[in-house]
Amino acid sequence: MKCDICGKTKSFGNKVSHSMRHTKRQWRPNIQKTTVIEGDRKKQINICTRCLRTQTKARA
């Protein structure tokens, strides 16, 4: 999944165990399907929660 506003996608790194073994892992962004009103039309977009929070604050 990808955020339609900021373009945030999954990122990669290492999982480090107690014995310091490194194995590959990935972090996925928290993507939500949201309905946004653009002009006079409703549009459904995939948006990360950080952008959703910013949009909510901008509306208030």
C-alpha atoms as a PDB file:
ATOM      1  CA  MET A   1       0.000   0.000   0.000  1.00  0.00           C
ATOM      2  CA  LYS A   2       1.014   3.590  -0.587  1.00  0.00           C
ATOM      3  CA  CYS A   3      -0.288   6.882   0.805  1.00  0.00           C
ATOM      4  CA  ASP A   4      -1.917   8.876  -2.001  1.00  0.00           C
ATOM      5  CA  ILE A   5      -0.945  12.200  -0.397  1.00  0.00           C
ATOM      6  CA  CYS A   6       2.640  11.874   0.868  1.00  0.00           C
ATOM      7  CA  GLY A   7       3.679   8.740  -1.026  1.00  0.00           C
ATOM      8  CA  LYS A   8       4.758   6.857   2.100  1.00  0.00           C
ATOM      9  CA  THR A   9       5.486   3.172   1.414  1.00  0.00           C
ATOM     10  CA  LYS A  10       7.005   0.307   3.373  1.00  0.00           C
ATOM     11  CA  SER A  11      10.569   0.683   4.626  1.00  0.00           C
ATOM     12  CA  PHE A  12      13.167  -2.002   5.225  1.00  0.00           C
ATOM     13  CA  GLY A  13      15.641  -2.758   7.973  1.00  0.00           C
ATOM     14  CA  ASN A  14      16.890  -5.450  10.292  1.00  0.00           C
ATOM     15  CA  LYS A  15      15.198  -7.272  13.140  1.00  0.00           C
ATOM     16  CA  VAL A  16      17.802  -7.631  15.875  1.00  0.00           C
ATOM     17  CA  SER A  17      17.336 -10.452  18.376  1.00  0.00           C
ATOM     18  CA  HIS A  18      18.735 -10.649  21.900  1.00  0.00           C
ATOM     19  CA  SER A  19      21.731 -12.577  20.536  1.00  0.00           C
ATOM     20  CA  MET A  20      22.271  -9.722  18.027  1.00  0.00           C
ATOM     21  CA  ARG A  21      21.381 -11.812  14.963  1.00  0.00           C
ATOM     22  CA  HIS A  22      20.209  -9.578  12.112  1.00  0.00           C
ATOM     23  CA  THR A  23      17.349 -10.724   9.889  1.00  0.00           C
ATOM     24  CA  LYS A  24      15.547  -8.658   7.257  1.00  0.00           C
ATOM     25  CA  ARG A  25      12.180  -7.144   8.085  1.00  0.00           C
ATOM     26  CA  GLN A  26       9.883  -4.380   6.888  1.00  0.00           C
ATOM     27  CA  TRP A  27       7.761  -1.673   8.451  1.00  0.00           C
ATOM     28  CA  ARG A  28       4.420  -1.022   6.803  1.00  0.00           C
ATOM     29  CA  PRO A  29       2.691   2.372   7.086  1.00  0.00           C
ATOM     30  CA  ASN A  30      -0.736   2.517   8.689  1.00  0.00           C
ATOM     31  CA  ILE A  31      -2.846   3.056   5.543  1.00  0.00           C
ATOM     32  CA  GLN A  32      -6.595   3.701   5.830  1.00  0.00           C
ATOM     33  CA  LYS A  33      -9.266   4.009   3.132  1.00  0.00           C
ATOM     34  CA  THR A  34     -10.926   7.390   3.524  1.00  0.00           C
ATOM     35  CA  THR A  35     -13.574   9.337   1.668  1.00  0.00           C
ATOM     36  CA  VAL A  36     -12.487  12.879   0.800  1.00  0.00           C
ATOM     37  CA  ILE A  37     -14.703  15.562  -0.717  1.00  0.00           C
ATOM     38  CA  GLU A  38     -12.985  17.374  -3.602  1.00  0.00           C
ATOM     39  CA  GLY A  39     -15.100  20.194  -4.927  1.00  0.00           C
ATOM     40  CA  ASP A  40     -18.562  18.655  -5.362  1.00  0.00           C
ATOM     41  CA  ARG A  41     -17.493  14.984  -5.645  1.00  0.00           C
ATOM     42  CA  LYS A  42     -16.640  12.305  -3.094  1.00  0.00           C
ATOM     43  CA  LYS A  43     -13.416  10.434  -3.745  1.00  0.00           C
ATOM     44  CA  GLN A  44     -12.067   7.379  -1.911  1.00  0.00           C
ATOM     45  CA  ILE A  45      -8.311   7.461  -1.305  1.00  0.00           C
ATOM     46  CA  ASN A  46      -5.692   5.469   0.598  1.00  0.00           C
ATOM     47  CA  ILE A  47      -4.117   7.744   3.199  1.00  0.00           C
ATOM     48  CA  CYS A  48      -1.656   7.215   6.052  1.00  0.00           C
ATOM     49  CA  THR A  49      -2.785   8.114   9.559  1.00  0.00           C
ATOM     50  CA  ARG A  50      -0.296  10.989   9.797  1.00  0.00           C
ATOM     51  CA  CYS A  51      -1.856  12.684   6.737  1.00  0.00           C
ATOM     52  CA  LEU A  52      -5.345  11.859   8.041  1.00  0.00           C
ATOM     53  CA  ARG A  53      -4.514  13.599  11.324  1.00  0.00           C
ATOM     54  CA  THR A  54      -3.150  16.643   9.494  1.00  0.00           C
ATOM     55  CA  GLN A  55      -6.272  16.877   7.309  1.00  0.00           C
ATOM     56  CA  THR A  56      -8.537  16.629  10.363  1.00  0.00           C
ATOM     57  CA  LYS A  57      -6.611  19.431  12.072  1.00  0.00           C
ATOM     58  CA  ALA A  58      -6.785  21.605   8.938  1.00  0.00           C
ATOM     59  CA  ARG A  59     -10.594  21.236   8.744  1.00  0.00           C
ATOM     60  CA  ALA A  60     -11.132  22.334  12.354  1.00  0.00           C
END
